[in-house]
C-alpha atoms as a PDB file:
ATOM      1  CA  MET A   1      15.263 -37.242-259.091  1.00  0.00           C
ATOM      2  CA  ASP A   2      17.263 -37.858-262.217  1.00  0.00           C
ATOM      3  CA  GLU A   3      18.100 -41.531-261.701  1.00  0.00           C
ATOM      4  CA  ARG A   4      20.341 -42.953-264.373  1.00  0.00           C
ATOM      5  CA  SER A   5      20.357 -46.609-265.269  1.00  0.00           C
ATOM      6  CA  ALA A   6      23.150 -48.649-266.764  1.00  0.00           C
ATOM      7  CA  THR A   7      20.590 -50.396-268.968  1.00  0.00           C
ATOM      8  CA  SER A   8      19.173 -47.164-270.380  1.00  0.00           C
ATOM      9  CA  GLY A   9      20.629 -45.462-273.442  1.00  0.00           C
ATOM     10  CA  ALA A  10      24.328 -44.694-273.304  1.00  0.00           C
ATOM     11  CA  SER A  11      25.626 -41.198-273.831  1.00  0.00           C
ATOM     12  CA  VAL A  12      27.802 -40.389-276.837  1.00  0.00           C
ATOM     13  CA  THR A  13      30.978 -40.600-274.750  1.00  0.00           C
ATOM     14  CA  ASP A  14      30.052 -44.089-273.493  1.00  0.00           C
ATOM     15  CA  VAL A  15      29.574 -45.743-276.888  1.00  0.00           C
ATOM     16  CA  GLY A  16      31.747 -48.815-277.206  1.00  0.00           C
ATOM     17  CA  ILE A  17      32.072 -49.666-273.510  1.00  0.00           C
ATOM     18  CA  CYS A  18      30.327 -52.374-271.506  1.00  0.00           C
ATOM     19  CA  ARG A  19      27.491 -50.755-269.508  1.00  0.00           C
ATOM     20  CA  PHE A  20      27.040 -53.637-267.030  1.00  0.00           C
ATOM     21  CA  PRO A  21      26.430 -52.145-263.548  1.00  0.00           C
ATOM     22  CA  VAL A  22      29.080 -53.010-260.946  1.00  0.00           C
ATOM     23  CA  ALA A  23      28.252 -50.504-258.183  1.00  0.00           C
ATOM     24  CA  TYR A  24      25.573 -47.968-257.238  1.00  0.00           C
ATOM     25  CA  ASP A  25      26.200 -44.468-255.932  1.00  0.00           C
ATOM     26  CA  ALA A  26      23.050 -43.592-253.957  1.00  0.00           C
ATOM     27  CA  ALA A  27      24.088 -39.961-253.484  1.00  0.00           C
ATOM     28  CA  ALA A  28      24.379 -39.411-257.241  1.00  0.00           C
ATOM     29  CA  ALA A  29      21.596 -41.909-258.065  1.00  0.00           C
ATOM     30  CA  ALA A  30      23.858 -43.420-260.717  1.00  0.00           C
ATOM     31  CA  PHE A  31      25.460 -46.758-261.464  1.00  0.00           C
ATOM     32  CA  TRP A  32      29.156 -47.360-261.953  1.00  0.00           C
ATOM     33  CA  VAL A  33      29.551 -49.511-265.045  1.00  0.00           C
ATOM     34  CA  CYS A  34      32.099 -52.119-266.088  1.00  0.00           C
ATOM     35  CA  GLY A  35      33.634 -49.823-268.692  1.00  0.00           C
ATOM     36  CA  HIS A  36      35.857 -52.195-270.634  1.00  0.00           C
ATOM     37  CA  LEU A  37      35.853 -51.873-274.409  1.00  0.00           C
ATOM     38  CA  LEU A  38      33.301 -53.837-276.386  1.00  0.00           C
ATOM     39  CA  PRO A  39      34.427 -56.084-279.236  1.00  0.00           C
ATOM     40  CA  ASP A  40      33.925 -54.416-282.629  1.00  0.00           C
ATOM     41  CA  LEU A  41      31.188 -56.901-283.578  1.00  0.00           C
ATOM     42  CA  THR A  42      28.921 -56.037-280.623  1.00  0.00           C
ATOM     43  CA  ARG A  43      29.403 -52.256-280.403  1.00  0.00           C
ATOM     44  CA  THR A  44      26.340 -51.429-282.478  1.00  0.00           C
ATOM     45  CA  ALA A  45      24.226 -54.397-281.358  1.00  0.00           C
ATOM     46  CA  SER A  46      24.401 -54.157-277.564  1.00  0.00           C
ATOM     47  CA  ASN A  47      25.556 -52.082-274.607  1.00  0.00           C
ATOM     48  CA  PHE A  48      26.963 -55.238-272.996  1.00  0.00           C
ATOM     49  CA  CYS A  49      29.920 -57.422-273.918  1.00  0.00           C
ATOM     50  CA  GLY A  50      28.123 -60.751-273.301  1.00  0.00           C
ATOM     51  CA  GLU A  51      31.270 -62.185-271.691  1.00  0.00           C
ATOM     52  CA  VAL A  52      31.524 -63.857-268.293  1.00  0.00           C
ATOM     53  CA  CYS A  53      33.472 -61.403-266.142  1.00  0.00           C
ATOM     54  CA  LEU A  54      34.684 -61.274-262.559  1.00  0.00           C
ATOM     55  CA  ASP A  55      32.879 -58.379-260.900  1.00  0.00           C
ATOM     56  CA  PRO A  56      34.270 -56.312-257.982  1.00  0.00           C
ATOM     57  CA  ASP A  57      32.217 -58.335-255.480  1.00  0.00           C
ATOM     58  CA  GLY A  58      34.135 -61.469-256.485  1.00  0.00           C
ATOM     59  CA  ARG A  59      31.337 -63.176-258.456  1.00  0.00           C
ATOM     60  CA  LEU A  60      31.403 -64.276-262.073  1.00  0.00           C
ATOM     61  CA  ARG A  61      28.539 -62.828-264.105  1.00  0.00           C
ATOM     62  CA  ARG A  62      27.630 -62.805-267.776  1.00  0.00           C
ATOM     63  CA  HIS A  63      27.449 -59.188-268.890  1.00  0.00           C
ATOM     64  CA  ASP A  64      24.192 -59.143-270.854  1.00  0.00           C
ATOM     65  CA  GLY A  65      20.944 -57.201-270.682  1.00  0.00           C
ATOM     66  CA  ALA A  66      18.960 -59.648-268.527  1.00  0.00           C
ATOM     67  CA  ALA A  67      21.745 -59.989-265.958  1.00  0.00           C
ATOM     68  CA  ALA A  68      22.213 -56.194-265.952  1.00  0.00           C
ATOM     69  CA  LEU A  69      18.582 -55.615-264.958  1.00  0.00           C
ATOM     70  CA  LEU A  70      18.899 -58.114-262.107  1.00  0.00           C
ATOM     71  CA  ARG A  71      22.208 -56.601-260.980  1.00  0.00           C
ATOM     72  CA  GLU A  72      20.726 -53.085-260.971  1.00  0.00           C
ATOM     73  CA  TYR A  73      17.980 -54.336-258.665  1.00  0.00           C
ATOM     74  CA  GLU A  74      20.498 -56.086-256.380  1.00  0.00           C
ATOM     75  CA  LEU A  75      22.692 -52.989-256.142  1.00  0.00           C
ATOM     76  CA  ARG A  76      19.879 -50.483-255.706  1.00  0.00           C
ATOM     77  CA  THR A  77      17.891 -52.366-253.031  1.00  0.00           C
ATOM     78  CA  PRO A  78      20.472 -52.204-250.181  1.00  0.00           C
ATOM     79  CA  ALA A  79      21.243 -48.556-250.991  1.00  0.00           C
ATOM     80  CA  GLU A  80      17.593 -47.567-250.549  1.00  0.00           C
ATOM     81  CA  THR A  81      17.161 -49.150-247.122  1.00  0.00           C
END
């Protein structure tokens, strides 16, 4: 299975967008990511914007690496059961 993670390396076409996972597609084994443009200062330093954003589930989350790992786990767990 070729499972892709939002916290793994971004492809060339995804450079400059926030990679915070917002949904999981179990059939494709891939995460949907936030996708908004990163500020110029953080584009080379991180795959995440670091801002507090309203996610599709209605919760505010800080889009950073630690929160992304937790969110991947939260999204993947119900899809696997």
